[in-house]
PDB file of N, CA and C in Angstrom:
ATOM      1  N   MET A   1     106.568  88.001  47.409  1.00  0.00           N
ATOM      2  CA  MET A   1     106.594  89.292  48.381  1.00  0.00           C
ATOM      3  C   MET A   1     107.360  88.818  49.601  1.00  0.00           C
ATOM      4  N   ASN A   2     107.721  89.667  50.204  1.00  0.00           N
ATOM      5  CA  ASN A   2     108.171  89.602  51.793  1.00  0.00           C
ATOM      6  C   ASN A   2     107.007  89.539  52.547  1.00  0.00           C
ATOM      7  N   SER A   3     107.514  89.261  53.816  1.00  0.00           N
ATOM      8  CA  SER A   3     106.172  89.096  54.988  1.00  0.00           C
ATOM      9  C   SER A   3     105.601  90.536  55.022  1.00  0.00           C
ATOM     10  N   ASP A   4     106.278  91.559  54.764  1.00  0.00           N
ATOM     11  CA  ASP A   4     105.657  92.966  54.639  1.00  0.00           C
ATOM     12  C   ASP A   4     104.855  92.931  53.404  1.00  0.00           C
ATOM     13  N   GLN A   5     103.493  92.676  53.124  1.00  0.00           N
ATOM     14  CA  GLN A   5     102.873  92.840  52.065  1.00  0.00           C
ATOM     15  C   GLN A   5     102.974  93.812  51.022  1.00  0.00           C
ATOM     16  N   ASN A   6     103.261  94.920  51.628  1.00  0.00           N
ATOM     17  CA  ASN A   6     103.400  96.134  50.659  1.00  0.00           C
ATOM     18  C   ASN A   6     104.809  96.539  49.977  1.00  0.00           C
ATOM     19  N   GLU A   7     105.651  95.609  50.560  1.00  0.00           N
ATOM     20  CA  GLU A   7     107.168  95.492  49.716  1.00  0.00           C
ATOM     21  C   GLU A   7     107.092  95.042  48.466  1.00  0.00           C
ATOM     22  N   ILE A   8     107.721  95.851  47.367  1.00  0.00           N
ATOM     23  CA  ILE A   8     107.641  95.379  45.948  1.00  0.00           C
ATOM     24  C   ILE A   8     109.356  95.099  45.820  1.00  0.00           C
ATOM     25  N   TYR A   9     110.469  95.962  46.463  1.00  0.00           N
ATOM     26  CA  TYR A   9     111.853  95.768  46.214  1.00  0.00           C
ATOM     27  C   TYR A   9     112.767  96.295  47.321  1.00  0.00           C
ATOM     28  N   SER A  10     113.704  95.589  47.550  1.00  0.00           N
ATOM     29  CA  SER A  10     114.573  96.248  48.867  1.00  0.00           C
ATOM     30  C   SER A  10     116.050  96.095  48.035  1.00  0.00           C
ATOM     31  N   LYS A  11     116.546  97.450  48.564  1.00  0.00           N
ATOM     32  CA  LYS A  11     118.161  97.446  48.004  1.00  0.00           C
ATOM     33  C   LYS A  11     118.850  97.621  49.307  1.00  0.00           C
ATOM     34  N   VAL A  12     120.097  96.879  50.071  1.00  0.00           N
ATOM     35  CA  VAL A  12     120.635  97.504  50.855  1.00  0.00           C
ATOM     36  C   VAL A  12     122.161  97.398  50.915  1.00  0.00           C
ATOM     37  N   VAL A  13     122.466  99.229  51.253  1.00  0.00           N
ATOM     38  CA  VAL A  13     123.907  99.470  50.875  1.00  0.00           C
ATOM     39  C   VAL A  13     124.360  99.500  52.148  1.00  0.00           C
ATOM     40  N   ARG A  14     125.452  98.514  52.356  1.00  0.00           N
ATOM     41  CA  ARG A  14     126.444  98.896  53.519  1.00  0.00           C
ATOM     42  C   ARG A  14     127.543  99.830  53.434  1.00  0.00           C
ATOM     43  N   ALA A  15     127.608 100.730  53.992  1.00  0.00           N
ATOM     44  CA  ALA A  15     128.391 101.986  54.204  1.00  0.00           C
ATOM     45  C   ALA A  15     129.146 101.866  55.400  1.00  0.00           C
ATOM     46  N   GLY A  16     130.238 101.345  55.619  1.00  0.00           N
ATOM     47  CA  GLY A  16     130.926 101.536  56.988  1.00  0.00           C
ATOM     48  C   GLY A  16     130.017 101.231  58.133  1.00  0.00           C
ATOM     49  N   LYS A  17     130.173 102.251  59.355  1.00  0.00           N
ATOM     50  CA  LYS A  17     128.935 101.901  60.432  1.00  0.00           C
ATOM     51  C   LYS A  17     127.611 102.184  60.084  1.00  0.00           C
ATOM     52  N   ARG A  18     126.993 102.100  58.978  1.00  0.00           N
ATOM     53  CA  ARG A  18     125.781 102.671  58.585  1.00  0.00           C
ATOM     54  C   ARG A  18     125.371 101.497  57.402  1.00  0.00           C
ATOM     55  N   THR A  19     124.232 101.275  57.643  1.00  0.00           N
ATOM     56  CA  THR A  19     123.411 100.410  56.676  1.00  0.00           C
ATOM     57  C   THR A  19     122.373 101.366  56.013  1.00  0.00           C
ATOM     58  N   TYR A  20     122.108 101.185  54.605  1.00  0.00           N
ATOM     59  CA  TYR A  20     120.758 102.126  54.149  1.00  0.00           C
ATOM     60  C   TYR A  20     119.928 101.044  53.498  1.00  0.00           C
ATOM     61  N   PHE A  21     118.616 101.241  53.493  1.00  0.00           N
ATOM     62  CA  PHE A  21     117.643 100.318  52.952  1.00  0.00           C
ATOM     63  C   PHE A  21     117.018 101.222  52.016  1.00  0.00           C
ATOM     64  N   PHE A  22     116.921 100.829  50.722  1.00  0.00           N
ATOM     65  CA  PHE A  22     116.065 101.747  49.660  1.00  0.00           C
ATOM     66  C   PHE A  22     115.005 100.792  49.606  1.00  0.00           C
ATOM     67  N   ASP A  23     113.810 101.076  49.794  1.00  0.00           N
ATOM     68  CA  ASP A  23     112.474  99.967  49.637  1.00  0.00           C
ATOM     69  C   ASP A  23     111.406 100.517  48.890  1.00  0.00           C
ATOM     70  N   ILE A  24     111.124 100.156  47.804  1.00  0.00           N
ATOM     71  CA  ILE A  24     109.774 100.085  47.151  1.00  0.00           C
ATOM     72  C   ILE A  24     108.747  99.661  47.745  1.00  0.00           C
ATOM     73  N   LYS A  25     107.381 100.141  47.964  1.00  0.00           N
ATOM     74  CA  LYS A  25     106.539  99.910  48.710  1.00  0.00           C
ATOM     75  C   LYS A  25     105.104 100.223  48.092  1.00  0.00           C
ATOM     76  N   ALA A  26     104.353  99.606  47.892  1.00  0.00           N
ATOM     77  CA  ALA A  26     103.052 100.413  47.284  1.00  0.00           C
ATOM     78  C   ALA A  26     101.856 100.412  48.329  1.00  0.00           C
ATOM     79  N   THR A  27     100.825 101.053  48.156  1.00  0.00           N
ATOM     80  CA  THR A  27      99.764 101.546  49.171  1.00  0.00           C
ATOM     81  C   THR A  27      98.534 100.461  48.529  1.00  0.00           C
ATOM     82  N   LYS A  28      97.740 100.538  49.422  1.00  0.00           N
ATOM     83  CA  LYS A  28      96.755  99.879  49.187  1.00  0.00           C
ATOM     84  C   LYS A  28      95.881 100.222  47.815  1.00  0.00           C
ATOM     85  N   GLY A  29      96.038 101.154  47.189  1.00  0.00           N
ATOM     86  CA  GLY A  29      95.536 101.579  45.985  1.00  0.00           C
ATOM     87  C   GLY A  29      96.962 101.410  44.798  1.00  0.00           C
ATOM     88  N   ASN A  30      97.634 100.580  45.177  1.00  0.00           N
ATOM     89  CA  ASN A  30      99.033 100.447  44.218  1.00  0.00           C
ATOM     90  C   ASN A  30      99.963 101.566  44.075  1.00  0.00           C
ATOM     91  N   ASP A  31      99.601 102.684  44.439  1.00  0.00           N
ATOM     92  CA  ASP A  31     100.574 103.943  44.169  1.00  0.00           C
ATOM     93  C   ASP A  31     102.077 103.348  44.679  1.00  0.00           C
ATOM     94  N   LEU A  32     103.038 103.518  43.977  1.00  0.00           N
ATOM     95  CA  LEU A  32     104.445 103.150  44.560  1.00  0.00           C
ATOM     96  C   LEU A  32     105.105 104.294  45.463  1.00  0.00           C
ATOM     97  N   TYR A  33     105.727 104.069  46.440  1.00  0.00           N
ATOM     98  CA  TYR A  33     106.368 104.864  47.303  1.00  0.00           C
ATOM     99  C   TYR A  33     108.041 104.488  47.620  1.00  0.00           C
ATOM    100  N   ILE A  34     108.765 105.366  48.200  1.00  0.00           N
ATOM    101  CA  ILE A  34     109.971 104.570  48.499  1.00  0.00           C
ATOM    102  C   ILE A  34     109.944 105.351  49.986  1.00  0.00           C
ATOM    103  N   THR A  35     110.906 104.138  50.740  1.00  0.00           N
ATOM    104  CA  THR A  35     111.387 104.255  52.211  1.00  0.00           C
ATOM    105  C   THR A  35     112.720 104.219  52.149  1.00  0.00           C
ATOM    106  N   LEU A  36     113.333 105.412  52.607  1.00  0.00           N
ATOM    107  CA  LEU A  36     115.054 105.490  52.799  1.00  0.00           C
ATOM    108  C   LEU A  36     115.095 104.962  54.343  1.00  0.00           C
ATOM    109  N   THR A  37     115.881 104.164  54.948  1.00  0.00           N
ATOM    110  CA  THR A  37     115.838 104.079  56.159  1.00  0.00           C
ATOM    111  C   THR A  37     117.609 103.960  56.466  1.00  0.00           C
ATOM    112  N   GLU A  38     118.129 104.756  57.249  1.00  0.00           N
ATOM    113  CA  GLU A  38     119.665 104.537  57.492  1.00  0.00           C
ATOM    114  C   GLU A  38     119.372 103.713  59.135  1.00  0.00           C
ATOM    115  N   SER A  39     120.257 103.012  59.123  1.00  0.00           N
ATOM    116  CA  SER A  39     120.521 102.141  60.406  1.00  0.00           C
ATOM    117  C   SER A  39     121.970 102.236  60.796  1.00  0.00           C
ATOM    118  N   LYS A  40     122.186 102.571  62.042  1.00  0.00           N
ATOM    119  CA  LYS A  40     123.514 102.439  62.843  1.00  0.00           C
ATOM    120  C   LYS A  40     123.481 101.884  64.074  1.00  0.00           C
ATOM    121  N   LYS A  41     124.288 100.870  64.202  1.00  0.00           N
ATOM    122  CA  LYS A  41     124.769 100.389  65.355  1.00  0.00           C
ATOM    123  C   LYS A  41     125.255 101.341  66.536  1.00  0.00           C
ATOM    124  N   VAL A  42     124.580 101.264  67.728  1.00  0.00           N
ATOM    125  CA  VAL A  42     125.014 101.938  68.870  1.00  0.00           C
ATOM    126  C   VAL A  42     125.327 101.209  69.992  1.00  0.00           C
ATOM    127  N   TYR A  43     125.912 101.586  70.844  1.00  0.00           N
ATOM    128  CA  TYR A  43     126.270 100.911  72.237  1.00  0.00           C
ATOM    129  C   TYR A  43     125.487 101.738  73.196  1.00  0.00           C
ATOM    130  N   GLY A  44     124.844 100.720  73.901  1.00  0.00           N
ATOM    131  CA  GLY A  44     124.217 101.682  75.577  1.00  0.00           C
ATOM    132  C   GLY A  44     125.382 101.735  76.346  1.00  0.00           C
ATOM    133  N   GLU A  45     124.795 102.519  77.448  1.00  0.00           N
ATOM    134  CA  GLU A  45     125.845 102.428  78.579  1.00  0.00           C
ATOM    135  C   GLU A  45     126.036 101.077  79.201  1.00  0.00           C
ATOM    136  N   ASP A  46     125.028 100.257  79.426  1.00  0.00           N
ATOM    137  CA  ASP A  46     125.233  99.095  79.613  1.00  0.00           C
ATOM    138  C   ASP A  46     125.975  98.192  78.624  1.00  0.00           C
ATOM    139  N   GLY A  47     126.694  98.625  77.584  1.00  0.00           N
ATOM    140  CA  GLY A  47     127.279  98.108  76.769  1.00  0.00           C
ATOM    141  C   GLY A  47     126.796  97.087  75.908  1.00  0.00           C
ATOM    142  N   ILE A  48     125.383  96.994  75.935  1.00  0.00           N
ATOM    143  CA  ILE A  48     124.435  96.108  75.045  1.00  0.00           C
ATOM    144  C   ILE A  48     124.392  96.963  73.831  1.00  0.00           C
ATOM    145  N   ASP A  49     124.484  96.618  72.480  1.00  0.00           N
ATOM    146  CA  ASP A  49     124.240  97.143  71.303  1.00  0.00           C
ATOM    147  C   ASP A  49     123.223  97.157  70.831  1.00  0.00           C
ATOM    148  N   ASN A  50     122.690  98.346  70.149  1.00  0.00           N
ATOM    149  CA  ASN A  50     121.092  98.618  69.760  1.00  0.00           C
ATOM    150  C   ASN A  50     121.018  99.119  68.178  1.00  0.00           C
ATOM    151  N   PHE A  51     120.335  99.082  67.569  1.00  0.00           N
ATOM    152  CA  PHE A  51     120.206  99.841  66.228  1.00  0.00           C
ATOM    153  C   PHE A  51     119.434 101.242  66.369  1.00  0.00           C
ATOM    154  N   GLN A  52     120.247 102.253  65.797  1.00  0.00           N
ATOM    155  CA  GLN A  52     119.350 103.249  65.662  1.00  0.00           C
ATOM    156  C   GLN A  52     118.822 103.514  64.337  1.00  0.00           C
ATOM    157  N   LYS A  53     117.769 103.822  64.110  1.00  0.00           N
ATOM    158  CA  LYS A  53     117.129 104.095  62.826  1.00  0.00           C
ATOM    159  C   LYS A  53     116.255 105.420  62.274  1.00  0.00           C
ATOM    160  N   HIS A  54     116.473 105.837  61.151  1.00  0.00           N
ATOM    161  CA  HIS A  54     115.838 107.031  60.802  1.00  0.00           C
ATOM    162  C   HIS A  54     115.402 106.937  59.420  1.00  0.00           C
ATOM    163  N   LYS A  55     113.654 107.035  59.008  1.00  0.00           N
ATOM    164  CA  LYS A  55     113.540 106.578  58.032  1.00  0.00           C
ATOM    165  C   LYS A  55     112.659 107.833  57.335  1.00  0.00           C
ATOM    166  N   ILE A  56     112.858 108.126  55.889  1.00  0.00           N
ATOM    167  CA  ILE A  56     112.329 109.073  55.204  1.00  0.00           C
ATOM    168  C   ILE A  56     111.255 108.441  54.252  1.00  0.00           C
ATOM    169  N   PHE A  57     110.103 108.735  54.173  1.00  0.00           N
ATOM    170  CA  PHE A  57     109.179 108.551  53.090  1.00  0.00           C
ATOM    171  C   PHE A  57     109.289 109.189  51.658  1.00  0.00           C
ATOM    172  N   LEU A  58     109.097 108.588  50.891  1.00  0.00           N
ATOM    173  CA  LEU A  58     109.254 109.722  49.583  1.00  0.00           C
ATOM    174  C   LEU A  58     108.214 109.094  48.660  1.00  0.00           C
ATOM    175  N   TYR A  59     107.276 109.867  48.117  1.00  0.00           N
ATOM    176  CA  TYR A  59     106.034 109.749  47.570  1.00  0.00           C
ATOM    177  C   TYR A  59     106.095 109.854  45.941  1.00  0.00           C
ATOM    178  N   LYS A  60     105.542 109.417  45.357  1.00  0.00           N
ATOM    179  CA  LYS A  60     105.975 109.778  43.712  1.00  0.00           C
ATOM    180  C   LYS A  60     106.008 110.868  43.226  1.00  0.00           C
ATOM    181  N   GLU A  61     105.182 111.641  43.960  1.00  0.00           N
ATOM    182  CA  GLU A  61     104.779 112.968  43.141  1.00  0.00           C
ATOM    183  C   GLU A  61     106.302 113.912  43.526  1.00  0.00           C
ATOM    184  N   ASP A  62     106.951 113.276  44.650  1.00  0.00           N
ATOM    185  CA  ASP A  62     108.379 114.007  44.795  1.00  0.00           C
ATOM    186  C   ASP A  62     109.414 113.401  44.492  1.00  0.00           C
ATOM    187  N   PHE A  63     109.086 112.417  43.648  1.00  0.00           N
ATOM    188  CA  PHE A  63     110.591 111.437  43.073  1.00  0.00           C
ATOM    189  C   PHE A  63     111.422 112.342  41.940  1.00  0.00           C
ATOM    190  N   GLU A  64     110.454 113.191  41.170  1.00  0.00           N
ATOM    191  CA  GLU A  64     111.400 114.074  40.325  1.00  0.00           C
ATOM    192  C   GLU A  64     112.456 114.965  40.812  1.00  0.00           C
ATOM    193  N   LYS A  65     111.686 115.587  41.849  1.00  0.00           N
ATOM    194  CA  LYS A  65     112.244 116.782  42.584  1.00  0.00           C
ATOM    195  C   LYS A  65     113.396 116.183  43.690  1.00  0.00           C
ATOM    196  N   PHE A  66     112.981 115.217  44.218  1.00  0.00           N
ATOM    197  CA  PHE A  66     114.027 114.559  45.383  1.00  0.00           C
ATOM    198  C   PHE A  66     115.756 114.470  44.362  1.00  0.00           C
ATOM    199  N   LYS A  67     115.380 113.591  43.109  1.00  0.00           N
ATOM    200  CA  LYS A  67     116.435 113.102  42.123  1.00  0.00           C
ATOM    201  C   LYS A  67     117.317 114.280  41.597  1.00  0.00           C
ATOM    202  N   GLU A  68     116.609 115.470  41.169  1.00  0.00           N
ATOM    203  CA  GLU A  68     117.210 116.754  40.750  1.00  0.00           C
ATOM    204  C   GLU A  68     117.689 117.336  41.986  1.00  0.00           C
ATOM    205  N   GLY A  69     117.165 117.285  43.247  1.00  0.00           N
ATOM    206  CA  GLY A  69     117.950 117.720  44.434  1.00  0.00           C
ATOM    207  C   GLY A  69     119.189 116.866  44.775  1.00  0.00           C
ATOM    208  N   LEU A  70     119.287 115.832  44.757  1.00  0.00           N
ATOM    209  CA  LEU A  70     120.317 114.969  45.322  1.00  0.00           C
ATOM    210  C   LEU A  70     121.465 114.950  43.956  1.00  0.00           C
ATOM    211  N   ASP A  71     121.077 115.077  42.635  1.00  0.00           N
ATOM    212  CA  ASP A  71     121.916 115.019  41.701  1.00  0.00           C
ATOM    213  C   ASP A  71     122.545 116.348  41.795  1.00  0.00           C
ATOM    214  N   ASP A  72     122.201 117.280  41.947  1.00  0.00           N
ATOM    215  CA  ASP A  72     122.417 118.878  42.200  1.00  0.00           C
ATOM    216  C   ASP A  72     123.607 118.653  43.032  1.00  0.00           C
ATOM    217  N   VAL A  73     123.299 118.133  44.457  1.00  0.00           N
ATOM    218  CA  VAL A  73     124.614 118.236  45.560  1.00  0.00           C
ATOM    219  C   VAL A  73     125.588 117.399  45.197  1.00  0.00           C
ATOM    220  N   LEU A  74     125.243 116.241  44.582  1.00  0.00           N
ATOM    221  CA  LEU A  74     126.274 115.588  44.120  1.00  0.00           C
ATOM    222  C   LEU A  74     127.380 115.985  43.021  1.00  0.00           C
ATOM    223  N   LEU A  75     126.440 116.657  42.097  1.00  0.00           N
ATOM    224  CA  LEU A  75     127.736 117.586  41.138  1.00  0.00           C
ATOM    225  C   LEU A  75     128.655 118.378  41.821  1.00  0.00           C
ATOM    226  N   LYS A  76     127.664 119.337  42.756  1.00  0.00           N
ATOM    227  CA  LYS A  76     128.307 120.305  43.653  1.00  0.00           C
ATOM    228  C   LYS A  76     129.797 119.686  44.354  1.00  0.00           C
ATOM    229  N   ILE A  77     129.640 118.674  44.546  1.00  0.00           N
ATOM    230  CA  ILE A  77     130.493 117.958  45.670  1.00  0.00           C
ATOM    231  C   ILE A  77     131.627 117.360  44.820  1.00  0.00           C
ATOM    232  N   GLU A  78     131.299 117.049  43.687  1.00  0.00           N
ATOM    233  CA  GLU A  78     132.520 116.919  42.548  1.00  0.00           C
ATOM    234  C   GLU A  78     133.232 118.030  42.076  1.00  0.00           C
ATOM    235  N   GLU A  79     132.479 118.727  42.019  1.00  0.00           N
ATOM    236  CA  GLU A  79     133.055 120.025  41.653  1.00  0.00           C
ATOM    237  C   GLU A  79     133.858 120.613  42.764  1.00  0.00           C
ATOM    238  N   MET A  80     133.354 120.894  43.776  1.00  0.00           N
ATOM    239  CA  MET A  80     134.181 121.484  45.031  1.00  0.00           C
ATOM    240  C   MET A  80     135.628 120.604  45.253  1.00  0.00           C
ATOM    241  N   LYS A  81     135.594 119.170  45.156  1.00  0.00           N
ATOM    242  CA  LYS A  81     136.654 118.297  45.208  1.00  0.00           C
ATOM    243  C   LYS A  81     137.982 118.547  44.324  1.00  0.00           C
ATOM    244  N   ASN A  82     137.229 119.416  42.926  1.00  0.00           N
ATOM    245  CA  ASN A  82     138.161 119.647  41.904  1.00  0.00           C
ATOM    246  C   ASN A  82     138.825 121.089  41.988  1.00  0.00           C
ATOM    247  N   ILE A  83     138.728 121.788  43.112  1.00  0.00           N
ATOM    248  CA  ILE A  83     138.871 123.047  43.069  1.00  0.00           C
ATOM    249  C   ILE A  83     140.501 123.258  43.532  1.00  0.00           C
TER     250      ILE A  83
END
């Protein structure tokens, strides 16, 4: 395990200026959940770079509905590209 004791698995996806982190974590009661983090490098007025992060927590009771929603919009995008 990593230094973050409740982290079980991590997948990093680099996509242009953004990096996405898909992390599986466990609660103290051993329930699994996912954190999705988007990290983007931004530059301040002083020219120093910084990372802007946005995080979503996805709990096990929502996995299937989240997957269905994501699958639906990805399918719709594919359909729209073929029009």
